[in-house]
C-alpha atoms as a PDB file:
ATOM      1  CA  MET A   1     117.187 106.512  72.513  1.00  0.00           C
ATOM      2  CA  THR A   2     116.947 107.030  68.624  1.00  0.00           C
ATOM      3  CA  GLU A   3     117.592 110.717  69.024  1.00  0.00           C
ATOM      4  CA  HIS A   4     121.197 110.131  70.077  1.00  0.00           C
ATOM      5  CA  LYS A   5     124.010 110.825  67.819  1.00  0.00           C
ATOM      6  CA  PHE A   6     125.322 107.223  68.501  1.00  0.00           C
ATOM      7  CA  PRO A   7     124.367 105.143  65.496  1.00  0.00           C
ATOM      8  CA  PHE A   8     122.414 102.663  67.696  1.00  0.00           C
ATOM      9  CA  LEU A   9     119.986 101.347  65.012  1.00  0.00           C
ATOM     10  CA  ARG A  10     123.109 100.496  62.738  1.00  0.00           C
ATOM     11  CA  LEU A  11     124.773  98.260  65.296  1.00  0.00           C
ATOM     12  CA  PRO A  12     124.809  94.425  64.684  1.00  0.00           C
ATOM     13  CA  ASP A  13     122.052  92.651  66.279  1.00  0.00           C
ATOM     14  CA  ASP A  14     124.141  91.065  68.901  1.00  0.00           C
ATOM     15  CA  LEU A  15     125.888  94.296  69.790  1.00  0.00           C
ATOM     16  CA  ARG A  16     122.550  96.233  69.980  1.00  0.00           C
ATOM     17  CA  SER A  17     121.165  93.597  72.252  1.00  0.00           C
ATOM     18  CA  LYS A  18     123.893  93.973  74.628  1.00  0.00           C
ATOM     19  CA  VAL A  19     123.908  97.698  74.651  1.00  0.00           C
ATOM     20  CA  LEU A  20     120.124  97.566  75.202  1.00  0.00           C
ATOM     21  CA  GLN A  21     120.547  95.388  78.264  1.00  0.00           C
ATOM     22  CA  THR A  22     122.374  98.112  79.925  1.00  0.00           C
ATOM     23  CA  THR A  23     119.610 100.543  79.644  1.00  0.00           C
ATOM     24  CA  GLU A  24     116.612 101.222  81.812  1.00  0.00           C
ATOM     25  CA  TYR A  25     113.289  99.059  81.484  1.00  0.00           C
ATOM     26  CA  LEU A  26     111.551 102.268  80.154  1.00  0.00           C
ATOM     27  CA  GLU A  27     114.248 102.583  77.238  1.00  0.00           C
ATOM     28  CA  MET A  28     113.773  98.884  76.673  1.00  0.00           C
ATOM     29  CA  ILE A  29     109.830  99.195  76.423  1.00  0.00           C
ATOM     30  CA  ALA A  30     110.353 102.466  74.283  1.00  0.00           C
ATOM     31  CA  TYR A  31     112.625 100.448  71.684  1.00  0.00           C
ATOM     32  CA  SER A  32     110.077  97.637  71.645  1.00  0.00           C
ATOM     33  CA  PHE A  33     107.752  99.897  69.536  1.00  0.00           C
ATOM     34  CA  VAL A  34     110.377 100.556  66.673  1.00  0.00           C
ATOM     35  CA  SER A  35     109.436  97.504  64.746  1.00  0.00           C
ATOM     36  CA  LYS A  36     108.675  94.026  64.995  1.00  0.00           C
ATOM     37  CA  LYS A  37     112.070  92.872  65.089  1.00  0.00           C
ATOM     38  CA  ALA A  38     112.803  95.096  67.870  1.00  0.00           C
ATOM     39  CA  TYR A  39     109.673  93.946  69.838  1.00  0.00           C
ATOM     40  CA  SER A  40     110.876  90.372  69.422  1.00  0.00           C
ATOM     41  CA  MET A  41     114.442  91.470  70.689  1.00  0.00           C
ATOM     42  CA  ILE A  42     112.788  92.993  73.975  1.00  0.00           C
ATOM     43  CA  GLN A  43     110.762  89.860  74.191  1.00  0.00           C
ATOM     44  CA  SER A  44     113.982  87.650  74.181  1.00  0.00           C
ATOM     45  CA  PHE A  45     115.111  89.636  77.370  1.00  0.00           C
ATOM     46  CA  ARG A  46     112.234  88.382  79.316  1.00  0.00           C
ATOM     47  CA  LEU A  47     111.704  91.463  81.625  1.00  0.00           C
ATOM     48  CA  PRO A  48     111.039  90.505  85.128  1.00  0.00           C
ATOM     49  CA  ILE A  49     107.478  91.967  85.080  1.00  0.00           C
ATOM     50  CA  LEU A  50     105.469  91.262  88.246  1.00  0.00           C
ATOM     51  CA  THR A  51     102.084  92.925  87.450  1.00  0.00           C
ATOM     52  CA  VAL A  52     100.439  94.447  84.489  1.00  0.00           C
ATOM     53  CA  ARG A  53      97.484  96.448  85.772  1.00  0.00           C
ATOM     54  CA  ILE A  54      94.918  97.764  83.210  1.00  0.00           C
ATOM     55  CA  THR A  55      92.354 100.559  84.184  1.00  0.00           C
ATOM     56  CA  MET A  56      89.452 100.870  81.787  1.00  0.00           C
ATOM     57  CA  LYS A  57      87.783 104.166  81.876  1.00  0.00           C
ATOM     58  CA  LYS A  58      87.466 106.867  79.747  1.00  0.00           C
ATOM     59  CA  GLN A  59      91.161 107.898  79.871  1.00  0.00           C
ATOM     60  CA  PRO A  60      92.616 104.289  80.116  1.00  0.00           C
ATOM     61  CA  GLU A  61      95.824 103.546  82.033  1.00  0.00           C
ATOM     62  CA  ILE A  62      98.116 100.575  81.835  1.00  0.00           C
ATOM     63  CA  GLU A  63     100.749 100.090  84.739  1.00  0.00           C
ATOM     64  CA  VAL A  64     103.778  97.664  84.326  1.00  0.00           C
ATOM     65  CA  LYS A  65     105.446  96.873  87.645  1.00  0.00           C
ATOM     66  CA  LEU A  66     109.018  95.455  87.937  1.00  0.00           C
ATOM     67  CA  SER A  67     110.345  95.053  91.318  1.00  0.00           C
ATOM     68  CA  ALA A  68     110.773  98.579  92.735  1.00  0.00           C
ATOM     69  CA  ILE A  69     109.902 100.204  89.491  1.00  0.00           C
ATOM     70  CA  SER A  70     106.480 101.285  88.259  1.00  0.00           C
ATOM     71  CA  ILE A  71     105.726 102.571  84.793  1.00  0.00           C
ATOM     72  CA  LYS A  72     102.281 103.933  84.065  1.00  0.00           C
ATOM     73  CA  PHE A  73     101.016 104.639  80.605  1.00  0.00           C
ATOM     74  CA  GLY A  74      98.026 107.029  80.640  1.00  0.00           C
ATOM     75  CA  LEU A  75      96.376 106.938  77.160  1.00  0.00           C
ATOM     76  CA  ASN A  76      94.935 110.423  76.599  1.00  0.00           C
ATOM     77  CA  MET A  77      91.878 109.938  74.503  1.00  0.00           C
ATOM     78  CA  GLN A  78      89.924 112.826  72.701  1.00  0.00           C
ATOM     79  CA  GLU A  79      87.455 114.195  75.244  1.00  0.00           C
ATOM     80  CA  ASN A  80      83.698 113.411  75.032  1.00  0.00           C
ATOM     81  CA  ASP A  81      80.771 112.452  77.093  1.00  0.00           C
ATOM     82  CA  GLU A  82      80.199 109.160  75.653  1.00  0.00           C
ATOM     83  CA  LYS A  83      81.227 105.588  77.024  1.00  0.00           C
ATOM     84  CA  MET A  84      84.032 103.781  75.301  1.00  0.00           C
ATOM     85  CA  THR A  85      82.342 101.151  73.238  1.00  0.00           C
ATOM     86  CA  HIS A  86      85.517  99.866  71.394  1.00  0.00           C
ATOM     87  CA  LEU A  87      89.184  99.818  71.653  1.00  0.00           C
ATOM     88  CA  ASN A  88      89.856 100.768  68.242  1.00  0.00           C
ATOM     89  CA  GLY A  89      90.322 104.442  68.998  1.00  0.00           C
ATOM     90  CA  LEU A  90      93.933 106.005  68.850  1.00  0.00           C
ATOM     91  CA  PRO A  91      95.114 108.128  71.907  1.00  0.00           C
ATOM     92  CA  VAL A  92      95.912 111.725  71.196  1.00  0.00           C
ATOM     93  CA  ASN A  93      99.242 111.187  72.953  1.00  0.00           C
ATOM     94  CA  VAL A  94     100.546 108.986  76.065  1.00  0.00           C
ATOM     95  CA  ARG A  95     101.541 110.197  79.188  1.00  0.00           C
ATOM     96  CA  VAL A  96     104.440 108.096  80.803  1.00  0.00           C
ATOM     97  CA  THR A  97     105.135 108.205  84.682  1.00  0.00           C
ATOM     98  CA  TYR A  98     108.245 106.274  85.596  1.00  0.00           C
ATOM     99  CA  LEU A  99     108.536 105.633  89.358  1.00  0.00           C
ATOM    100  CA  ASN A 100     111.640 104.155  90.924  1.00  0.00           C
ATOM    101  CA  PHE A 101     111.945 103.076  94.477  1.00  0.00           C
ATOM    102  CA  GLU A 102     115.213 101.192  94.335  1.00  0.00           C
ATOM    103  CA  ASN A 103     117.822 101.386  97.189  1.00  0.00           C
ATOM    104  CA  HIS A 104     115.346 103.300  99.533  1.00  0.00           C
ATOM    105  CA  GLU A 105     115.422 106.289  97.001  1.00  0.00           C
ATOM    106  CA  PHE A 106     112.711 107.584  95.037  1.00  0.00           C
ATOM    107  CA  SER A 107     112.731 109.257  91.544  1.00  0.00           C
ATOM    108  CA  LYS A 108     110.183 110.273  89.168  1.00  0.00           C
ATOM    109  CA  LYS A 109     110.244 110.887  85.516  1.00  0.00           C
ATOM    110  CA  ILE A 110     107.123 112.193  83.309  1.00  0.00           C
ATOM    111  CA  SER A 111     107.378 112.227  79.601  1.00  0.00           C
ATOM    112  CA  THR A 112     104.838 112.328  76.894  1.00  0.00           C
ATOM    113  CA  TRP A 113     105.075 109.904  73.811  1.00  0.00           C
ATOM    114  CA  THR A 114     103.206 109.571  70.595  1.00  0.00           C
ATOM    115  CA  ASN A 115     100.607 107.049  70.269  1.00  0.00           C
ATOM    116  CA  GLN A 116     102.990 104.922  68.301  1.00  0.00           C
ATOM    117  CA  GLY A 117     100.205 104.409  65.636  1.00  0.00           C
ATOM    118  CA  LYS A 118      98.651 101.984  68.037  1.00  0.00           C
ATOM    119  CA  THR A 119      94.953 101.724  69.112  1.00  0.00           C
ATOM    120  CA  VAL A 120      93.869 101.371  72.839  1.00  0.00           C
ATOM    121  CA  GLY A 121      93.615  97.624  72.264  1.00  0.00           C
ATOM    122  CA  GLU A 122      96.934  97.389  70.527  1.00  0.00           C
ATOM    123  CA  TRP A 123      98.586  99.165  73.761  1.00  0.00           C
ATOM    124  CA  ILE A 124      97.110  96.712  75.980  1.00  0.00           C
ATOM    125  CA  GLN A 125      98.240  93.731  73.777  1.00  0.00           C
ATOM    126  CA  HIS A 126     101.641  95.219  73.269  1.00  0.00           C
ATOM    127  CA  LEU A 127     102.505  95.961  76.992  1.00  0.00           C
ATOM    128  CA  CYS A 128     100.877  92.602  77.979  1.00  0.00           C
ATOM    129  CA  SER A 129     102.964  90.520  75.823  1.00  0.00           C
ATOM    130  CA  ILE A 130     106.520  92.079  75.718  1.00  0.00           C
ATOM    131  CA  SER A 131     107.102  89.792  78.831  1.00  0.00           C
ATOM    132  CA  GLN A 132     105.128  87.281  80.671  1.00  0.00           C
ATOM    133  CA  ALA A 133     104.019  88.973  83.773  1.00  0.00           C
ATOM    134  CA  GLU A 134     103.347  87.007  86.926  1.00  0.00           C
ATOM    135  CA  CYS A 135      99.931  88.469  87.396  1.00  0.00           C
ATOM    136  CA  TYR A 136      97.444  90.453  85.245  1.00  0.00           C
ATOM    137  CA  VAL A 137      94.844  92.715  86.752  1.00  0.00           C
ATOM    138  CA  ALA A 138      91.991  94.708  85.256  1.00  0.00           C
ATOM    139  CA  ASP A 139      89.774  97.364  86.730  1.00  0.00           C
ATOM    140  CA  PHE A 140      86.501  98.238  85.080  1.00  0.00           C
ATOM    141  CA  LEU A 141      84.710 101.370  85.674  1.00  0.00           C
ATOM    142  CA  VAL A 142      81.290 100.384  84.443  1.00  0.00           C
ATOM    143  CA  ARG A 143      79.947 103.961  84.008  1.00  0.00           C
ATOM    144  CA  ASP A 144      82.882 104.793  81.614  1.00  0.00           C
ATOM    145  CA  ILE A 145      82.761 101.866  79.289  1.00  0.00           C
ATOM    146  CA  GLU A 146      80.615  99.304  77.572  1.00  0.00           C
ATOM    147  CA  LEU A 147      82.658  96.618  75.829  1.00  0.00           C
ATOM    148  CA  ASP A 148      81.305  93.718  74.437  1.00  0.00           C
ATOM    149  CA  THR A 149      82.270  90.087  75.633  1.00  0.00           C
ATOM    150  CA  PRO A 150      84.098  89.108  72.422  1.00  0.00           C
ATOM    151  CA  THR A 151      86.227  92.398  72.370  1.00  0.00           C
ATOM    152  CA  LEU A 152      87.230  91.883  75.959  1.00  0.00           C
ATOM    153  CA  ARG A 153      88.290  88.063  75.329  1.00  0.00           C
ATOM    154  CA  LYS A 154      90.023  88.961  72.232  1.00  0.00           C
ATOM    155  CA  ILE A 155      92.191  91.943  73.615  1.00  0.00           C
ATOM    156  CA  PHE A 156      92.856  91.171  77.332  1.00  0.00           C
ATOM    157  CA  PRO A 157      95.305  88.315  78.631  1.00  0.00           C
ATOM    158  CA  LYS A 158      94.193  85.792  80.935  1.00  0.00           C
ATOM    159  CA  LEU A 159      93.396  87.708  84.249  1.00  0.00           C
ATOM    160  CA  ARG A 160      94.154  86.852  87.727  1.00  0.00           C
ATOM    161  CA  THR A 161      92.352  89.714  89.219  1.00  0.00           C
ATOM    162  CA  VAL A 162      89.083  91.541  87.953  1.00  0.00           C
ATOM    163  CA  SER A 163      87.724  94.703  89.741  1.00  0.00           C
ATOM    164  CA  VAL A 164      84.317  96.063  88.816  1.00  0.00           C
ATOM    165  CA  LYS A 165      83.685  99.588  90.072  1.00  0.00           C
ATOM    166  CA  PHE A 166      80.280 101.111  89.979  1.00  0.00           C
ATOM    167  CA  PRO A 167      79.572 104.800  90.560  1.00  0.00           C
ATOM    168  CA  GLN A 168      78.484 106.269  94.021  1.00  0.00           C
ATOM    169  CA  ALA A 169      75.395 107.468  92.200  1.00  0.00           C
ATOM    170  CA  GLU A 170      72.432 105.034  91.527  1.00  0.00           C
ATOM    171  CA  ALA A 171      73.377 102.305  88.825  1.00  0.00           C
ATOM    172  CA  ASN A 172      71.612 102.380  85.643  1.00  0.00           C
ATOM    173  CA  GLU A 173      70.794  99.645  83.162  1.00  0.00           C
ATOM    174  CA  ASN A 174      73.902 100.296  80.912  1.00  0.00           C
ATOM    175  CA  ASP A 175      76.194  99.985  84.107  1.00  0.00           C
ATOM    176  CA  ILE A 176      74.559  96.460  84.723  1.00  0.00           C
ATOM    177  CA  THR A 177      75.065  95.518  81.184  1.00  0.00           C
ATOM    178  CA  SER A 178      78.683  96.538  81.195  1.00  0.00           C
ATOM    179  CA  ALA A 179      79.253  94.484  84.257  1.00  0.00           C
ATOM    180  CA  LYS A 180      77.676  91.515  82.805  1.00  0.00           C
ATOM    181  CA  HIS A 181      79.828  91.553  79.888  1.00  0.00           C
ATOM    182  CA  VAL A 182      82.964  91.745  82.147  1.00  0.00           C
ATOM    183  CA  PHE A 183      81.763  88.732  84.096  1.00  0.00           C
ATOM    184  CA  LYS A 184      80.911  86.700  80.997  1.00  0.00           C
ATOM    185  CA  ALA A 185      84.346  87.250  79.492  1.00  0.00           C
ATOM    186  CA  PHE A 186      86.539  86.556  82.496  1.00  0.00           C
ATOM    187  CA  LEU A 187      84.732  84.744  85.279  1.00  0.00           C
ATOM    188  CA  VAL A 188      85.539  81.299  84.146  1.00  0.00           C
ATOM    189  CA  ASP A 189      89.320  81.826  84.734  1.00  0.00           C
ATOM    190  CA  VAL A 190      89.646  84.719  87.184  1.00  0.00           C
ATOM    191  CA  LYS A 191      90.835  83.779  90.668  1.00  0.00           C
ATOM    192  CA  ASP A 192      90.456  87.185  92.484  1.00  0.00           C
ATOM    193  CA  VAL A 193      87.105  89.253  92.029  1.00  0.00           C
ATOM    194  CA  ARG A 194      86.533  92.744  93.690  1.00  0.00           C
ATOM    195  CA  LEU A 195      83.442  94.736  93.689  1.00  0.00           C
ATOM    196  CA  GLU A 196      82.977  98.202  94.609  1.00  0.00           C
ATOM    197  CA  GLN A 197      79.455  99.833  95.126  1.00  0.00           C
ATOM    198  CA  PHE A 198      77.899  96.744  93.579  1.00  0.00           C
ATOM    199  CA  PRO A 199      74.006  97.096  93.182  1.00  0.00           C
ATOM    200  CA  PHE A 200      73.100  93.452  93.791  1.00  0.00           C
ATOM    201  CA  GLN A 201      69.622  92.649  92.433  1.00  0.00           C
ATOM    202  CA  ASP A 202      67.753  89.519  91.108  1.00  0.00           C
ATOM    203  CA  ASN A 203      69.389  89.563  87.544  1.00  0.00           C
ATOM    204  CA  LEU A 204      72.763  90.331  89.111  1.00  0.00           C
ATOM    205  CA  SER A 205      73.024  88.371  92.447  1.00  0.00           C
ATOM    206  CA  LEU A 206      76.157  87.451  94.371  1.00  0.00           C
ATOM    207  CA  GLN A 207      75.579  83.776  93.229  1.00  0.00           C
ATOM    208  CA  HIS A 208      76.339  84.757  89.656  1.00  0.00           C
ATOM    209  CA  ILE A 209      79.717  85.910  90.811  1.00  0.00           C
ATOM    210  CA  GLY A 210      80.466  83.378  93.437  1.00  0.00           C
ATOM    211  CA  MET A 211      79.746  80.176  91.641  1.00  0.00           C
ATOM    212  CA  GLY A 212      82.637  80.815  89.249  1.00  0.00           C
ATOM    213  CA  ASN A 213      86.313  79.323  90.115  1.00  0.00           C
ATOM    214  CA  SER A 214      87.338  82.548  92.011  1.00  0.00           C
ATOM    215  CA  LYS A 215      89.211  81.710  95.287  1.00  0.00           C
ATOM    216  CA  ILE A 216      88.984  85.441  96.615  1.00  0.00           C
ATOM    217  CA  LEU A 217      85.965  87.654  96.652  1.00  0.00           C
ATOM    218  CA  GLN A 218      86.228  91.166  97.940  1.00  0.00           C
ATOM    219  CA  LEU A 219      83.097  93.340  98.400  1.00  0.00           C
ATOM    220  CA  TYR A 220      83.507  97.115  99.195  1.00  0.00           C
ATOM    221  CA  ASP A 221      80.322  99.056 100.358  1.00  0.00           C
ATOM    222  CA  PRO A 222      77.882  96.614  98.297  1.00  0.00           C
ATOM    223  CA  ARG A 223      74.369  97.515  97.889  1.00  0.00           C
ATOM    224  CA  ASN A 224      71.392  95.198  98.680  1.00  0.00           C
ATOM    225  CA  ILE A 225      73.602  92.322 100.131  1.00  0.00           C
ATOM    226  CA  ARG A 226      72.508  89.839 102.340  1.00  0.00           C
ATOM    227  CA  ILE A 227      74.791  87.714 104.547  1.00  0.00           C
ATOM    228  CA  ASP A 228      72.725  84.640 103.457  1.00  0.00           C
ATOM    229  CA  ASP A 229      73.969  85.187 100.048  1.00  0.00           C
ATOM    230  CA  LEU A 230      77.351  84.097 101.164  1.00  0.00           C
ATOM    231  CA  LEU A 231      76.266  80.618 101.890  1.00  0.00           C
ATOM    232  CA  THR A 232      76.431  79.616  98.340  1.00  0.00           C
ATOM    233  CA  LEU A 233      79.828  80.770  97.392  1.00  0.00           C
ATOM    234  CA  ASN A 234      82.733  78.467  96.340  1.00  0.00           C
ATOM    235  CA  ALA A 235      85.327  81.282  97.504  1.00  0.00           C
ATOM    236  CA  GLU A 236      88.034  80.353  99.817  1.00  0.00           C
ATOM    237  CA  SER A 237      88.593  83.935 101.198  1.00  0.00           C
ATOM    238  CA  ILE A 238      85.715  86.690 101.409  1.00  0.00           C
ATOM    239  CA  PHE A 239      86.216  90.126 102.348  1.00  0.00           C
ATOM    240  CA  LEU A 240      83.262  92.481 103.212  1.00  0.00           C
ATOM    241  CA  LYS A 241      83.355  96.055 104.078  1.00  0.00           C
ATOM    242  CA  THR A 242      79.990  97.514 104.485  1.00  0.00           C
ATOM    243  CA  SER A 243      78.220 100.349 106.254  1.00  0.00           C
ATOM    244  CA  GLN A 244      76.691  98.151 108.772  1.00  0.00           C
ATOM    245  CA  VAL A 245      76.445  94.611 109.664  1.00  0.00           C
ATOM    246  CA  PRO A 246      73.370  92.808 111.222  1.00  0.00           C
ATOM    247  CA  LEU A 247      75.035  90.484 113.786  1.00  0.00           C
ATOM    248  CA  ARG A 248      72.146  88.131 113.906  1.00  0.00           C
ATOM    249  CA  ASP A 249      72.783  87.413 110.079  1.00  0.00           C
ATOM    250  CA  LEU A 250      76.579  86.660 110.846  1.00  0.00           C
ATOM    251  CA  ASN A 251      75.456  84.685 113.877  1.00  0.00           C
ATOM    252  CA  SER A 252      73.147  82.506 111.524  1.00  0.00           C
ATOM    253  CA  PHE A 253      76.061  82.147 108.932  1.00  0.00           C
ATOM    254  CA  PHE A 254      78.274  80.676 111.524  1.00  0.00           C
ATOM    255  CA  LYS A 255      75.552  78.301 112.750  1.00  0.00           C
ATOM    256  CA  LEU A 256      75.006  77.040 109.176  1.00  0.00           C
ATOM    257  CA  TRP A 257      78.907  76.589 108.864  1.00  0.00           C
ATOM    258  CA  LYS A 258      78.804  74.565 111.812  1.00  0.00           C
ATOM    259  CA  LYS A 259      76.234  72.333 109.982  1.00  0.00           C
ATOM    260  CA  GLY A 260      78.402  72.034 106.928  1.00  0.00           C
ATOM    261  CA  SER A 261      77.852  75.062 104.732  1.00  0.00           C
ATOM    262  CA  ASN A 262      80.712  76.742 102.824  1.00  0.00           C
ATOM    263  CA  PRO A 263      83.113  73.649 102.823  1.00  0.00           C
ATOM    264  CA  LYS A 264      85.480  75.674 100.806  1.00  0.00           C
ATOM    265  CA  LEU A 265      85.684  78.756 103.025  1.00  0.00           C
ATOM    266  CA  GLU A 266      89.019  79.223 104.699  1.00  0.00           C
ATOM    267  CA  LYS A 267      88.730  82.987 105.841  1.00  0.00           C
ATOM    268  CA  LEU A 268      85.724  85.667 106.063  1.00  0.00           C
ATOM    269  CA  ASN A 269      86.614  89.261 107.099  1.00  0.00           C
ATOM    270  CA  VAL A 270      83.929  91.581 107.687  1.00  0.00           C
ATOM    271  CA  MET A 271      84.690  95.195 108.441  1.00  0.00           C
ATOM    272  CA  TRP A 272      82.631  98.242 109.200  1.00  0.00           C
ATOM    273  CA  GLU A 273      82.679 101.628 110.579  1.00  0.00           C
ATOM    274  CA  PRO A 274      80.371 101.766 113.568  1.00  0.00           C
ATOM    275  CA  THR A 275      77.959 104.477 114.209  1.00  0.00           C
ATOM    276  CA  ARG A 276      76.453 105.668 117.477  1.00  0.00           C
ATOM    277  CA  ASN A 277      73.113 103.917 116.606  1.00  0.00           C
ATOM    278  CA  PHE A 278      75.168 100.482 115.876  1.00  0.00           C
ATOM    279  CA  ILE A 279      77.617  99.506 118.544  1.00  0.00           C
ATOM    280  CA  PRO A 280      78.307  95.825 118.184  1.00  0.00           C
ATOM    281  CA  LYS A 281      77.135  93.590 120.932  1.00  0.00           C
ATOM    282  CA  TRP A 282      79.161  90.399 120.560  1.00  0.00           C
ATOM    283  CA  LYS A 283      76.873  88.314 122.715  1.00  0.00           C
ATOM    284  CA  ILE A 284      74.309  88.588 119.851  1.00  0.00           C
ATOM    285  CA  LEU A 285      76.975  87.213 117.415  1.00  0.00           C
ATOM    286  CA  MET A 286      77.948  84.322 119.552  1.00  0.00           C
ATOM    287  CA  LYS A 287      74.604  83.398 120.770  1.00  0.00           C
ATOM    288  CA  GLY A 288      73.886  79.589 120.310  1.00  0.00           C
ATOM    289  CA  LEU A 289      77.262  78.821 118.986  1.00  0.00           C
ATOM    290  CA  LYS A 290      78.573  76.879 121.819  1.00  0.00           C
ATOM    291  CA  ALA A 291      81.914  78.689 121.165  1.00  0.00           C
ATOM    292  CA  LYS A 292      84.901  78.259 123.496  1.00  0.00           C
ATOM    293  CA  LYS A 293      86.439  81.479 124.487  1.00  0.00           C
ATOM    294  CA  SER A 294      90.093  81.681 123.894  1.00  0.00           C
ATOM    295  CA  ARG A 295      90.612  85.122 125.324  1.00  0.00           C
ATOM    296  CA  ALA A 296      89.459  86.819 128.503  1.00  0.00           C
ATOM    297  CA  GLU A 297      86.370  89.013 128.476  1.00  0.00           C
ATOM    298  CA  GLY A 298      87.197  92.540 127.487  1.00  0.00           C
ATOM    299  CA  GLU A 299      90.572  91.874 126.000  1.00  0.00           C
ATOM    300  CA  VAL A 300      91.316  92.977 122.293  1.00  0.00           C
ATOM    301  CA  PRO A 301      90.745  91.148 120.207  1.00  0.00           C
ATOM    302  CA  MET A 302      88.246  88.889 121.718  1.00  0.00           C
ATOM    303  CA  LYS A 303      88.610  85.378 120.390  1.00  0.00           C
ATOM    304  CA  PHE A 304      86.466  82.401 120.158  1.00  0.00           C
ATOM    305  CA  ARG A 305      86.691  78.914 118.600  1.00  0.00           C
ATOM    306  CA  ILE A 306      83.825  76.765 117.001  1.00  0.00           C
ATOM    307  CA  LYS A 307      83.902  73.359 115.319  1.00  0.00           C
ATOM    308  CA  ASN A 308      81.691  72.162 112.520  1.00  0.00           C
ATOM    309  CA  VAL A 309      80.363  68.729 111.618  1.00  0.00           C
ATOM    310  CA  ARG A 310      83.293  67.689 109.523  1.00  0.00           C
ATOM    311  CA  GLY A 311      85.473  68.275 112.471  1.00  0.00           C
ATOM    312  CA  ALA A 312      87.099  71.752 111.207  1.00  0.00           C
ATOM    313  CA  LEU A 313      88.009  74.193 113.645  1.00  0.00           C
ATOM    314  CA  ALA A 314      87.452  78.021 113.212  1.00  0.00           C
ATOM    315  CA  GLU A 315      88.583  81.244 115.324  1.00  0.00           C
ATOM    316  CA  ILE A 316      86.295  83.975 115.438  1.00  0.00           C
ATOM    317  CA  ARG A 317      87.987  87.418 116.333  1.00  0.00           C
ATOM    318  CA  CYS A 318      85.953  90.422 117.346  1.00  0.00           C
ATOM    319  CA  VAL A 319      87.526  93.800 117.371  1.00  0.00           C
ATOM    320  CA  PHE A 320      85.706  97.052 118.105  1.00  0.00           C
ATOM    321  CA  PHE A 321      87.788 100.229 118.454  1.00  0.00           C
ATOM    322  CA  ASP A 322      85.517 103.151 119.834  1.00  0.00           C
ATOM    323  CA  ILE A 323      83.440 104.312 116.958  1.00  0.00           C
ATOM    324  CA  HIS A 324      86.322 103.987 114.184  1.00  0.00           C
ATOM    325  CA  LEU A 325      86.436 100.527 113.328  1.00  0.00           C
ATOM    326  CA  ALA A 326      84.930  97.047 113.965  1.00  0.00           C
ATOM    327  CA  TYR A 327      85.466  93.757 112.352  1.00  0.00           C
ATOM    328  CA  VAL A 328      84.849  90.132 112.574  1.00  0.00           C
ATOM    329  CA  GLN A 329      87.632  87.979 111.384  1.00  0.00           C
ATOM    330  CA  PHE A 330      86.416  84.182 110.727  1.00  0.00           C
ATOM    331  CA  THR A 331      89.555  81.766 110.058  1.00  0.00           C
ATOM    332  CA  VAL A 332      89.229  77.934 109.492  1.00  0.00           C
ATOM    333  CA  SER A 333      92.130  75.950 110.856  1.00  0.00           C
ATOM    334  CA  ILE A 334      93.992  74.188 108.126  1.00  0.00           C
END
């Protein structure tokens, strides 16, 4: 905008504000970097930002979503093999990808910005504070970073969702330390926790994560998880995707729910891709539950109802599609 011949920066504040409000969101955000006064003016517009998603890896990304518009800022850092241990580094430049899906059409613009003289931490704070977003999300790739708890608390906004991703390779001690710092920084307030390839162990158990205030817990291909671990959780909704599920353990979980465990639980979804060696036998799952069948044998999905000691009803839906997908969905009636 500042390269135009039109003397935009010389306009009176009120007129400049009116002109800015006719521009695209990307131009407004660009203008917010000009000065503190420009930043305050953009703040006053209260841009309708839905979500700001921060992905912490060696090359961090910050995505700002406004309705049908997505603006992604890729912070291009100096290449090296070391983990990111602080947020004081200056990006070499910033790759900006603008996607617009308005009016059932699609447009894409890619540009390269300077680092605006801001560090990684300052980029995060700037884009998270130009307007109050409805939701702040952060993804942490623990193999790429090792940020201490005070740094995380100082730089990041109050997060609604935290995702912790381990590499497919075996986790090392540094990976686990990085994950612990993330949990210590955010677990008290975060409502939605997502874990990928998580290596559960004695000093990093499911109880450490589930005993916070999180309402939603999502587990993708966890390692060393036991269904029994789910019994102590406070989460209202749990999703588990795994390579295989011991139906006897799920059966035990439902029996204990009938006796009063997991009083806050509203929904449990367990999904896996069956193998030829593991084709689910629903009779094992339902053994001893005294469930009432609500759909005929063989129909998809099979449905059963059970009741606990508190009088709460729950429906269990069982689906098995050839060898492609199997899942158990447990839903408590409200």
